[in-house]
């Protein structure tokens, strides 16, 4: 059983007053529920597309940074290799 109205009672102890408010409740009609659900679905789908786009951008940045790191590591290996090759033999 769903109530058709709700009574709100507010007590104000400082003023010793009581306010009574009667609110009429109405049952949501099927069309408004369907419209609300459709809007929620559309909002959710739009948010998903936005998040997927941001994720793809983050992945692209991560790949770029990873490639840059690999490139710098390779350059460091080459520099170290050249330094080892040029190092004079201290045993002679």
PDB file of N, CA and C in Angstrom:
ATOM      1  N   UNK A   1       0.841  -1.186   0.000  1.00  0.00           N
ATOM      2  CA  UNK A   1       0.000   0.000   0.000  1.00  0.00           C
ATOM      3  C   UNK A   1       0.881   1.243   0.000  1.00  0.00           C
ATOM      4  N   UNK A   2       0.724   2.090  -1.001  1.00  0.00           N
ATOM      5  CA  UNK A   2       1.492   3.320  -1.109  1.00  0.00           C
ATOM      6  C   UNK A   2       0.669   4.487  -0.579  1.00  0.00           C
ATOM      7  N   UNK A   3       1.242   5.298   0.282  1.00  0.00           N
ATOM      8  CA  UNK A   3       0.484   6.447   0.791  1.00  0.00           C
ATOM      9  C   UNK A   3       0.277   7.480  -0.318  1.00  0.00           C
ATOM     10  N   UNK A   4      -0.822   8.191  -0.228  1.00  0.00           N
ATOM     11  CA  UNK A   4      -1.092   9.244  -1.205  1.00  0.00           C
ATOM     12  C   UNK A   4      -0.656  10.606  -0.692  1.00  0.00           C
ATOM     13  N   UNK A   5      -0.341  10.683   0.581  1.00  0.00           N
ATOM     14  CA  UNK A   5       0.187  11.932   1.115  1.00  0.00           C
ATOM     15  C   UNK A   5       1.102  11.632   2.285  1.00  0.00           C
ATOM     16  N   UNK A   6       1.907  12.619   2.621  1.00  0.00           N
ATOM     17  CA  UNK A   6       2.866  12.510   3.706  1.00  0.00           C
ATOM     18  C   UNK A   6       2.723  13.751   4.562  1.00  0.00           C
ATOM     19  N   UNK A   7       2.689  13.570   5.850  1.00  0.00           N
ATOM     20  CA  UNK A   7       2.570  14.710   6.756  1.00  0.00           C
ATOM     21  C   UNK A   7       3.921  14.934   7.418  1.00  0.00           C
ATOM     22  N   UNK A   8       4.431  16.133   7.263  1.00  0.00           N
ATOM     23  CA  UNK A   8       5.687  16.517   7.899  1.00  0.00           C
ATOM     24  C   UNK A   8       5.372  17.414   9.087  1.00  0.00           C
ATOM     25  N   UNK A   9       5.967  17.101  10.206  1.00  0.00           N
ATOM     26  CA  UNK A   9       5.755  17.894  11.409  1.00  0.00           C
ATOM     27  C   UNK A   9       7.104  18.446  11.844  1.00  0.00           C
ATOM     28  N   UNK A  10       7.174  19.749  11.993  1.00  0.00           N
ATOM     29  CA  UNK A  10       8.403  20.415  12.418  1.00  0.00           C
ATOM     30  C   UNK A  10       8.170  21.023  13.795  1.00  0.00           C
ATOM     31  N   UNK A  11       9.001  20.709  14.742  1.00  0.00           N
ATOM     32  CA  UNK A  11       8.909  21.266  16.081  1.00  0.00           C
ATOM     33  C   UNK A  11      10.032  22.281  16.255  1.00  0.00           C
ATOM     34  N   UNK A  12       9.682  23.431  16.722  1.00  0.00           N
ATOM     35  CA  UNK A  12      10.666  24.459  17.032  1.00  0.00           C
ATOM     36  C   UNK A  12      10.605  24.710  18.528  1.00  0.00           C
ATOM     37  N   UNK A  13      11.533  24.144  19.241  1.00  0.00           N
ATOM     38  CA  UNK A  13      11.476  24.225  20.700  1.00  0.00           C
ATOM     39  C   UNK A  13      11.720  25.644  21.216  1.00  0.00           C
ATOM     40  N   UNK A  14      12.523  26.401  20.497  1.00  0.00           N
ATOM     41  CA  UNK A  14      12.834  27.747  20.963  1.00  0.00           C
ATOM     42  C   UNK A  14      11.585  28.630  20.967  1.00  0.00           C
ATOM     43  N   UNK A  15      10.779  28.500  19.945  1.00  0.00           N
ATOM     44  CA  UNK A  15       9.570  29.328  19.840  1.00  0.00           C
ATOM     45  C   UNK A  15       8.333  28.600  20.337  1.00  0.00           C
ATOM     46  N   UNK A  16       8.453  27.342  20.647  1.00  0.00           N
ATOM     47  CA  UNK A  16       7.331  26.515  21.084  1.00  0.00           C
ATOM     48  C   UNK A  16       6.224  26.500  20.042  1.00  0.00           C
ATOM     49  N   UNK A  17       6.637  26.308  18.798  1.00  0.00           N
ATOM     50  CA  UNK A  17       5.650  26.250  17.715  1.00  0.00           C
ATOM     51  C   UNK A  17       5.769  24.916  16.993  1.00  0.00           C
ATOM     52  N   UNK A  18       4.693  24.542  16.366  1.00  0.00           N
ATOM     53  CA  UNK A  18       4.659  23.313  15.580  1.00  0.00           C
ATOM     54  C   UNK A  18       4.122  23.665  14.202  1.00  0.00           C
ATOM     55  N   UNK A  19       4.842  23.235  13.172  1.00  0.00           N
ATOM     56  CA  UNK A  19       4.396  23.440  11.806  1.00  0.00           C
ATOM     57  C   UNK A  19       4.028  22.091  11.232  1.00  0.00           C
ATOM     58  N   UNK A  20       2.863  22.016  10.659  1.00  0.00           N
ATOM     59  CA  UNK A  20       2.421  20.782  10.021  1.00  0.00           C
ATOM     60  C   UNK A  20       2.276  21.060   8.535  1.00  0.00           C
ATOM     61  N   UNK A  21       2.850  20.194   7.747  1.00  0.00           N
ATOM     62  CA  UNK A  21       2.802  20.368   6.301  1.00  0.00           C
ATOM     63  C   UNK A  21       2.341  19.055   5.685  1.00  0.00           C
ATOM     64  N   UNK A  22       1.359  19.130   4.829  1.00  0.00           N
ATOM     65  CA  UNK A  22       0.842  17.934   4.168  1.00  0.00           C
ATOM     66  C   UNK A  22       1.307  17.953   2.715  1.00  0.00           C
ATOM     67  N   UNK A  23       2.037  16.934   2.347  1.00  0.00           N
ATOM     68  CA  UNK A  23       2.543  16.826   0.988  1.00  0.00           C
ATOM     69  C   UNK A  23       1.791  15.716   0.273  1.00  0.00           C
ATOM     70  N   UNK A  24       1.291  16.026  -0.879  1.00  0.00           N
ATOM     71  CA  UNK A  24       0.616  15.019  -1.688  1.00  0.00           C
ATOM     72  C   UNK A  24       1.640  14.294  -2.547  1.00  0.00           C
ATOM     73  N   UNK A  25       1.598  12.986  -2.482  1.00  0.00           N
ATOM     74  CA  UNK A  25       2.502  12.174  -3.270  1.00  0.00           C
ATOM     75  C   UNK A  25       1.756  11.628  -4.469  1.00  0.00           C
ATOM     76  N   UNK A  26       2.422  11.571  -5.580  1.00  0.00           N
ATOM     77  CA  UNK A  26       1.794  10.970  -6.755  1.00  0.00           C
ATOM     78  C   UNK A  26       2.686   9.854  -7.264  1.00  0.00           C
ATOM     79  N   UNK A  27       2.079   8.865  -7.780  1.00  0.00           N
ATOM     80  CA  UNK A  27       2.818   7.748  -8.339  1.00  0.00           C
ATOM     81  C   UNK A  27       3.399   8.167  -9.684  1.00  0.00           C
ATOM     82  N   UNK A  28       4.661   7.875  -9.923  1.00  0.00           N
ATOM     83  CA  UNK A  28       5.228   8.226 -11.233  1.00  0.00           C
ATOM     84  C   UNK A  28       4.566   7.399 -12.323  1.00  0.00           C
ATOM     85  N   UNK A  29       4.216   8.067 -13.393  1.00  0.00           N
ATOM     86  CA  UNK A  29       3.595   7.320 -14.488  1.00  0.00           C
ATOM     87  C   UNK A  29       4.649   6.564 -15.285  1.00  0.00           C
ATOM     88  N   UNK A  30       4.223   5.584 -16.007  1.00  0.00           N
ATOM     89  CA  UNK A  30       5.132   4.699 -16.743  1.00  0.00           C
ATOM     90  C   UNK A  30       5.955   5.468 -17.769  1.00  0.00           C
ATOM     91  N   UNK A  31       5.351   6.441 -18.453  1.00  0.00           N
ATOM     92  CA  UNK A  31       6.071   7.213 -19.473  1.00  0.00           C
ATOM     93  C   UNK A  31       7.216   8.024 -18.867  1.00  0.00           C
ATOM     94  N   UNK A  32       6.961   8.637 -17.715  1.00  0.00           N
ATOM     95  CA  UNK A  32       8.032   9.438 -17.106  1.00  0.00           C
ATOM     96  C   UNK A  32       9.167   8.532 -16.619  1.00  0.00           C
ATOM     97  N   UNK A  33       8.846   7.333 -16.122  1.00  0.00           N
ATOM     98  CA  UNK A  33       9.889   6.399 -15.711  1.00  0.00           C
ATOM     99  C   UNK A  33      10.717   5.939 -16.908  1.00  0.00           C
ATOM    100  N   UNK A  34      10.044   5.631 -18.004  1.00  0.00           N
ATOM    101  CA  UNK A  34      10.755   5.198 -19.210  1.00  0.00           C
ATOM    102  C   UNK A  34      11.645   6.319 -19.735  1.00  0.00           C
ATOM    103  N   UNK A  35      11.128   7.538 -19.733  1.00  0.00           N
ATOM    104  CA  UNK A  35      11.912   8.680 -20.213  1.00  0.00           C
ATOM    105  C   UNK A  35      13.133   8.902 -19.315  1.00  0.00           C
ATOM    106  N   UNK A  36      12.920   8.799 -18.003  1.00  0.00           N
ATOM    107  CA  UNK A  36      14.028   8.981 -17.062  1.00  0.00           C
ATOM    108  C   UNK A  36      15.073   7.887 -17.255  1.00  0.00           C
ATOM    109  N   UNK A  37      14.633   6.647 -17.404  1.00  0.00           N
ATOM    110  CA  UNK A  37      15.562   5.546 -17.626  1.00  0.00           C
ATOM    111  C   UNK A  37      16.324   5.720 -18.933  1.00  0.00           C
ATOM    112  N   UNK A  38      15.630   6.193 -19.976  1.00  0.00           N
ATOM    113  CA  UNK A  38      16.274   6.417 -21.266  1.00  0.00           C
ATOM    114  C   UNK A  38      17.336   7.508 -21.146  1.00  0.00           C
ATOM    115  N   UNK A  39      17.004   8.587 -20.423  1.00  0.00           N
ATOM    116  CA  UNK A  39      17.970   9.668 -20.221  1.00  0.00           C
ATOM    117  C   UNK A  39      19.168   9.186 -19.407  1.00  0.00           C
ATOM    118  N   UNK A  40      18.906   8.373 -18.369  1.00  0.00           N
ATOM    119  CA  UNK A  40      20.006   7.832 -17.567  1.00  0.00           C
ATOM    120  C   UNK A  40      20.901   6.946 -18.423  1.00  0.00           C
ATOM    121  N   UNK A  41      20.297   6.136 -19.288  1.00  0.00           N
ATOM    122  CA  UNK A  41      21.068   5.263 -20.161  1.00  0.00           C
ATOM    123  C   UNK A  41      21.916   6.082 -21.129  1.00  0.00           C
ATOM    124  N   UNK A  42      21.315   7.120 -21.703  1.00  0.00           N
ATOM    125  CA  UNK A  42      22.055   7.976 -22.627  1.00  0.00           C
ATOM    126  C   UNK A  42      23.202   8.689 -21.914  1.00  0.00           C
ATOM    127  N   UNK A  43      22.948   9.172 -20.702  1.00  0.00           N
ATOM    128  CA  UNK A  43      24.011   9.834 -19.930  1.00  0.00           C
ATOM    129  C   UNK A  43      25.135   8.859 -19.619  1.00  0.00           C
ATOM    130  N   UNK A  44      24.766   7.647 -19.247  1.00  0.00           N
ATOM    131  CA  UNK A  44      25.769   6.626 -18.926  1.00  0.00           C
ATOM    132  C   UNK A  44      26.590   6.266 -20.150  1.00  0.00           C
ATOM    133  N   UNK A  45      25.928   6.126 -21.299  1.00  0.00           N
ATOM    134  CA  UNK A  45      26.644   5.798 -22.534  1.00  0.00           C
ATOM    135  C   UNK A  45      27.577   6.937 -22.933  1.00  0.00           C
ATOM    136  N   UNK A  46      27.117   8.162 -22.779  1.00  0.00           N
ATOM    137  CA  UNK A  46      27.953   9.323 -23.104  1.00  0.00           C
ATOM    138  C   UNK A  46      29.168   9.387 -22.176  1.00  0.00           C
ATOM    139  N   UNK A  47      28.947   9.128 -20.895  1.00  0.00           N
ATOM    140  CA  UNK A  47      30.056   9.128 -19.941  1.00  0.00           C
ATOM    141  C   UNK A  47      31.043   8.009 -20.267  1.00  0.00           C
ATOM    142  N   UNK A  48      30.523   6.847 -20.679  1.00  0.00           N
ATOM    143  CA  UNK A  48      31.400   5.729 -21.044  1.00  0.00           C
ATOM    144  C   UNK A  48      32.264   6.098 -22.246  1.00  0.00           C
ATOM    145  N   UNK A  49      31.659   6.719 -23.262  1.00  0.00           N
ATOM    146  CA  UNK A  49      32.432   7.134 -24.440  1.00  0.00           C
ATOM    147  C   UNK A  49      33.519   8.130 -24.046  1.00  0.00           C
ATOM    148  N   UNK A  50      33.177   9.051 -23.173  1.00  0.00           N
ATOM    149  CA  UNK A  50      34.149  10.042 -22.714  1.00  0.00           C
ATOM    150  C   UNK A  50      35.297   9.369 -21.967  1.00  0.00           C
ATOM    151  N   UNK A  51      34.973   8.443 -21.082  1.00  0.00           N
ATOM    152  CA  UNK A  51      36.013   7.744 -20.320  1.00  0.00           C
ATOM    153  C   UNK A  51      36.877   6.873 -21.220  1.00  0.00           C
ATOM    154  N   UNK A  52      36.263   6.224 -22.216  1.00  0.00           N
ATOM    155  CA  UNK A  52      37.042   5.412 -23.156  1.00  0.00           C
ATOM    156  C   UNK A  52      38.005   6.282 -23.957  1.00  0.00           C
ATOM    157  N   UNK A  53      37.551   7.467 -24.329  1.00  0.00           N
ATOM    158  CA  UNK A  53      38.399   8.395 -25.067  1.00  0.00           C
ATOM    159  C   UNK A  53      39.588   8.835 -24.201  1.00  0.00           C
ATOM    160  N   UNK A  54      39.312   9.158 -22.938  1.00  0.00           N
ATOM    161  CA  UNK A  54      40.388   9.560 -22.025  1.00  0.00           C
ATOM    162  C   UNK A  54      41.362   8.411 -21.790  1.00  0.00           C
ATOM    163  N   UNK A  55      40.827   7.194 -21.680  1.00  0.00           N
ATOM    164  CA  UNK A  55      41.684   6.028 -21.493  1.00  0.00           C
ATOM    165  C   UNK A  55      42.594   5.821 -22.699  1.00  0.00           C
ATOM    166  N   UNK A  56      42.039   5.976 -23.893  1.00  0.00           N
ATOM    167  CA  UNK A  56      42.836   5.814 -25.109  1.00  0.00           C
ATOM    168  C   UNK A  56      43.942   6.871 -25.168  1.00  0.00           C
ATOM    169  N   UNK A  57      43.611   8.097 -24.803  1.00  0.00           N
ATOM    170  CA  UNK A  57      44.619   9.165 -24.788  1.00  0.00           C
ATOM    171  C   UNK A  57      45.718   8.856 -23.771  1.00  0.00           C
ATOM    172  N   UNK A  58      45.328   8.342 -22.609  1.00  0.00           N
ATOM    173  CA  UNK A  58      46.321   7.993 -21.585  1.00  0.00           C
ATOM    174  C   UNK A  58      47.220   6.855 -22.066  1.00  0.00           C
ATOM    175  N   UNK A  59      46.624   5.875 -22.746  1.00  0.00           N
ATOM    176  CA  UNK A  59      47.425   4.772 -23.280  1.00  0.00           C
ATOM    177  C   UNK A  59      48.417   5.268 -24.327  1.00  0.00           C
ATOM    178  N   UNK A  60      47.983   6.191 -25.170  1.00  0.00           N
ATOM    179  CA  UNK A  60      48.856   6.755 -26.197  1.00  0.00           C
ATOM    180  C   UNK A  60      50.041   7.480 -25.548  1.00  0.00           C
ATOM    181  N   UNK A  61      49.759   8.278 -24.531  1.00  0.00           N
ATOM    182  CA  UNK A  61      50.825   8.996 -23.822  1.00  0.00           C
ATOM    183  C   UNK A  61      51.781   8.005 -23.168  1.00  0.00           C
ATOM    184  N   UNK A  62      51.225   6.968 -22.553  1.00  0.00           N
ATOM    185  CA  UNK A  62      52.053   5.959 -21.897  1.00  0.00           C
ATOM    186  C   UNK A  62      52.965   5.249 -22.897  1.00  0.00           C
ATOM    187  N   UNK A  63      52.425   4.889 -24.069  1.00  0.00           N
ATOM    188  CA  UNK A  63      53.254   4.256 -25.110  1.00  0.00           C
ATOM    189  C   UNK A  63      54.375   5.176 -25.551  1.00  0.00           C
ATOM    190  N   UNK A  64      54.044   6.453 -25.739  1.00  0.00           N
ATOM    191  CA  UNK A  64      55.042   7.426 -26.160  1.00  0.00           C
ATOM    192  C   UNK A  64      56.149   7.559 -25.118  1.00  0.00           C
ATOM    193  N   UNK A  65      55.768   7.648 -23.860  1.00  0.00           N
ATOM    194  CA  UNK A  65      56.761   7.763 -22.794  1.00  0.00           C
ATOM    195  C   UNK A  65      57.611   6.493 -22.706  1.00  0.00           C
ATOM    196  N   UNK A  66      56.980   5.339 -22.893  1.00  0.00           N
ATOM    197  CA  UNK A  66      57.702   4.070 -22.856  1.00  0.00           C
ATOM    198  C   UNK A  66      58.722   3.997 -23.991  1.00  0.00           C
ATOM    199  N   UNK A  67      58.311   4.435 -25.197  1.00  0.00           N
ATOM    200  CA  UNK A  67      59.240   4.451 -26.325  1.00  0.00           C
ATOM    201  C   UNK A  67      60.405   5.398 -26.069  1.00  0.00           C
ATOM    202  N   UNK A  68      60.116   6.555 -25.494  1.00  0.00           N
ATOM    203  CA  UNK A  68      61.173   7.515 -25.155  1.00  0.00           C
ATOM    204  C   UNK A  68      62.137   6.946 -24.131  1.00  0.00           C
ATOM    205  N   UNK A  69      61.601   6.256 -23.135  1.00  0.00           N
ATOM    206  CA  UNK A  69      62.448   5.639 -22.114  1.00  0.00           C
ATOM    207  C   UNK A  69      63.337   4.560 -22.724  1.00  0.00           C
ATOM    208  N   UNK A  70      62.768   3.723 -23.589  1.00  0.00           N
ATOM    209  CA  UNK A  70      63.569   2.681 -24.256  1.00  0.00           C
ATOM    210  C   UNK A  70      64.667   3.301 -25.109  1.00  0.00           C
ATOM    211  N   UNK A  71      64.342   4.381 -25.795  1.00  0.00           N
ATOM    212  CA  UNK A  71      65.322   5.071 -26.637  1.00  0.00           C
ATOM    213  C   UNK A  71      66.472   5.611 -25.782  1.00  0.00           C
ATOM    214  N   UNK A  72      66.135   6.246 -24.657  1.00  0.00           N
ATOM    215  CA  UNK A  72      67.179   6.787 -23.776  1.00  0.00           C
ATOM    216  C   UNK A  72      68.026   5.660 -23.165  1.00  0.00           C
ATOM    217  N   UNK A  73      67.394   4.562 -22.812  1.00  0.00           N
ATOM    218  CA  UNK A  73      68.154   3.423 -22.271  1.00  0.00           C
ATOM    219  C   UNK A  73      69.126   2.881 -23.318  1.00  0.00           C
ATOM    220  N   UNK A  74      68.683   2.812 -24.559  1.00  0.00           N
ATOM    221  CA  UNK A  74      69.560   2.332 -25.640  1.00  0.00           C
ATOM    222  C   UNK A  74      70.725   3.303 -25.844  1.00  0.00           C
ATOM    223  N   UNK A  75      70.443   4.598 -25.807  1.00  0.00           N
ATOM    224  CA  UNK A  75      71.520   5.584 -25.933  1.00  0.00           C
ATOM    225  C   UNK A  75      72.514   5.444 -24.784  1.00  0.00           C
ATOM    226  N   UNK A  76      72.015   5.229 -23.567  1.00  0.00           N
ATOM    227  CA  UNK A  76      72.908   5.051 -22.412  1.00  0.00           C
ATOM    228  C   UNK A  76      73.775   3.811 -22.580  1.00  0.00           C
ATOM    229  N   UNK A  77      73.208   2.725 -23.076  1.00  0.00           N
ATOM    230  CA  UNK A  77      73.992   1.509 -23.313  1.00  0.00           C
ATOM    231  C   UNK A  77      75.089   1.762 -24.347  1.00  0.00           C
ATOM    232  N   UNK A  78      74.745   2.504 -25.402  1.00  0.00           N
ATOM    233  CA  UNK A  78      75.740   2.798 -26.434  1.00  0.00           C
ATOM    234  C   UNK A  78      76.866   3.665 -25.879  1.00  0.00           C
ATOM    235  N   UNK A  79      76.520   4.656 -25.068  1.00  0.00           N
ATOM    236  CA  UNK A  79      77.549   5.526 -24.479  1.00  0.00           C
ATOM    237  C   UNK A  79      78.442   4.713 -23.557  1.00  0.00           C
ATOM    238  N   UNK A  80      77.848   3.861 -22.730  1.00  0.00           N
ATOM    239  CA  UNK A  80      78.647   3.022 -21.825  1.00  0.00           C
ATOM    240  C   UNK A  80      79.554   2.089 -22.622  1.00  0.00           C
ATOM    241  N   UNK A  81      79.023   1.537 -23.690  1.00  0.00           N
ATOM    242  CA  UNK A  81      79.821   0.637 -24.525  1.00  0.00           C
ATOM    243  C   UNK A  81      81.010   1.380 -25.120  1.00  0.00           C
ATOM    244  N   UNK A  82      80.797   2.606 -25.595  1.00  0.00           N
ATOM    245  CA  UNK A  82      81.897   3.400 -26.162  1.00  0.00           C
ATOM    246  C   UNK A  82      82.926   3.750 -25.103  1.00  0.00           C
ATOM    247  N   UNK A  83      82.455   4.041 -23.885  1.00  0.00           N
ATOM    248  CA  UNK A  83      83.385   4.370 -22.807  1.00  0.00           C
ATOM    249  C   UNK A  83      84.232   3.166 -22.437  1.00  0.00           C
ATOM    250  N   UNK A  84      83.641   1.996 -22.429  1.00  0.00           N
ATOM    251  CA  UNK A  84      84.389   0.775 -22.104  1.00  0.00           C
ATOM    252  C   UNK A  84      85.401   0.497 -23.188  1.00  0.00           C
ATOM    253  N   UNK A  85      85.027   0.724 -24.456  1.00  0.00           N
ATOM    254  CA  UNK A  85      85.948   0.486 -25.583  1.00  0.00           C
ATOM    255  C   UNK A  85      87.132   1.446 -25.535  1.00  0.00           C
ATOM    256  N   UNK A  86      86.924   2.676 -25.148  1.00  0.00           N
ATOM    257  CA  UNK A  86      87.978   3.706 -25.151  1.00  0.00           C
ATOM    258  C   UNK A  86      88.815   3.684 -23.887  1.00  0.00           C
ATOM    259  N   UNK A  87      88.383   2.994 -22.859  1.00  0.00           N
ATOM    260  CA  UNK A  87      89.093   2.992 -21.598  1.00  0.00           C
ATOM    261  C   UNK A  87      90.470   2.357 -21.778  1.00  0.00           C
ATOM    262  N   UNK A  88      91.515   3.064 -21.391  1.00  0.00           N
ATOM    263  CA  UNK A  88      92.876   2.508 -21.550  1.00  0.00           C
ATOM    264  C   UNK A  88      93.061   1.329 -20.607  1.00  0.00           C
ATOM    265  N   UNK A  89      93.845   0.393 -21.053  1.00  0.00           N
ATOM    266  CA  UNK A  89      94.105  -0.792 -20.280  1.00  0.00           C
ATOM    267  C   UNK A  89      95.058  -0.429 -19.139  1.00  0.00           C
ATOM    268  N   UNK A  90      94.631  -0.539 -17.926  1.00  0.00           N
ATOM    269  CA  UNK A  90      95.452  -0.119 -16.783  1.00  0.00           C
ATOM    270  C   UNK A  90      96.436  -1.197 -16.358  1.00  0.00           C
ATOM    271  N   UNK A  91      96.315  -2.407 -16.911  1.00  0.00           N
ATOM    272  CA  UNK A  91      97.210  -3.492 -16.539  1.00  0.00           C
ATOM    273  C   UNK A  91      98.569  -3.364 -17.232  1.00  0.00           C
ATOM    274  N   UNK A  92      98.682  -2.682 -18.337  1.00  0.00           N
ATOM    275  CA  UNK A  92      99.975  -2.591 -19.059  1.00  0.00           C
ATOM    276  C   UNK A  92     100.843  -1.490 -18.627  1.00  0.00           C
TER     277      UNK A  92
END
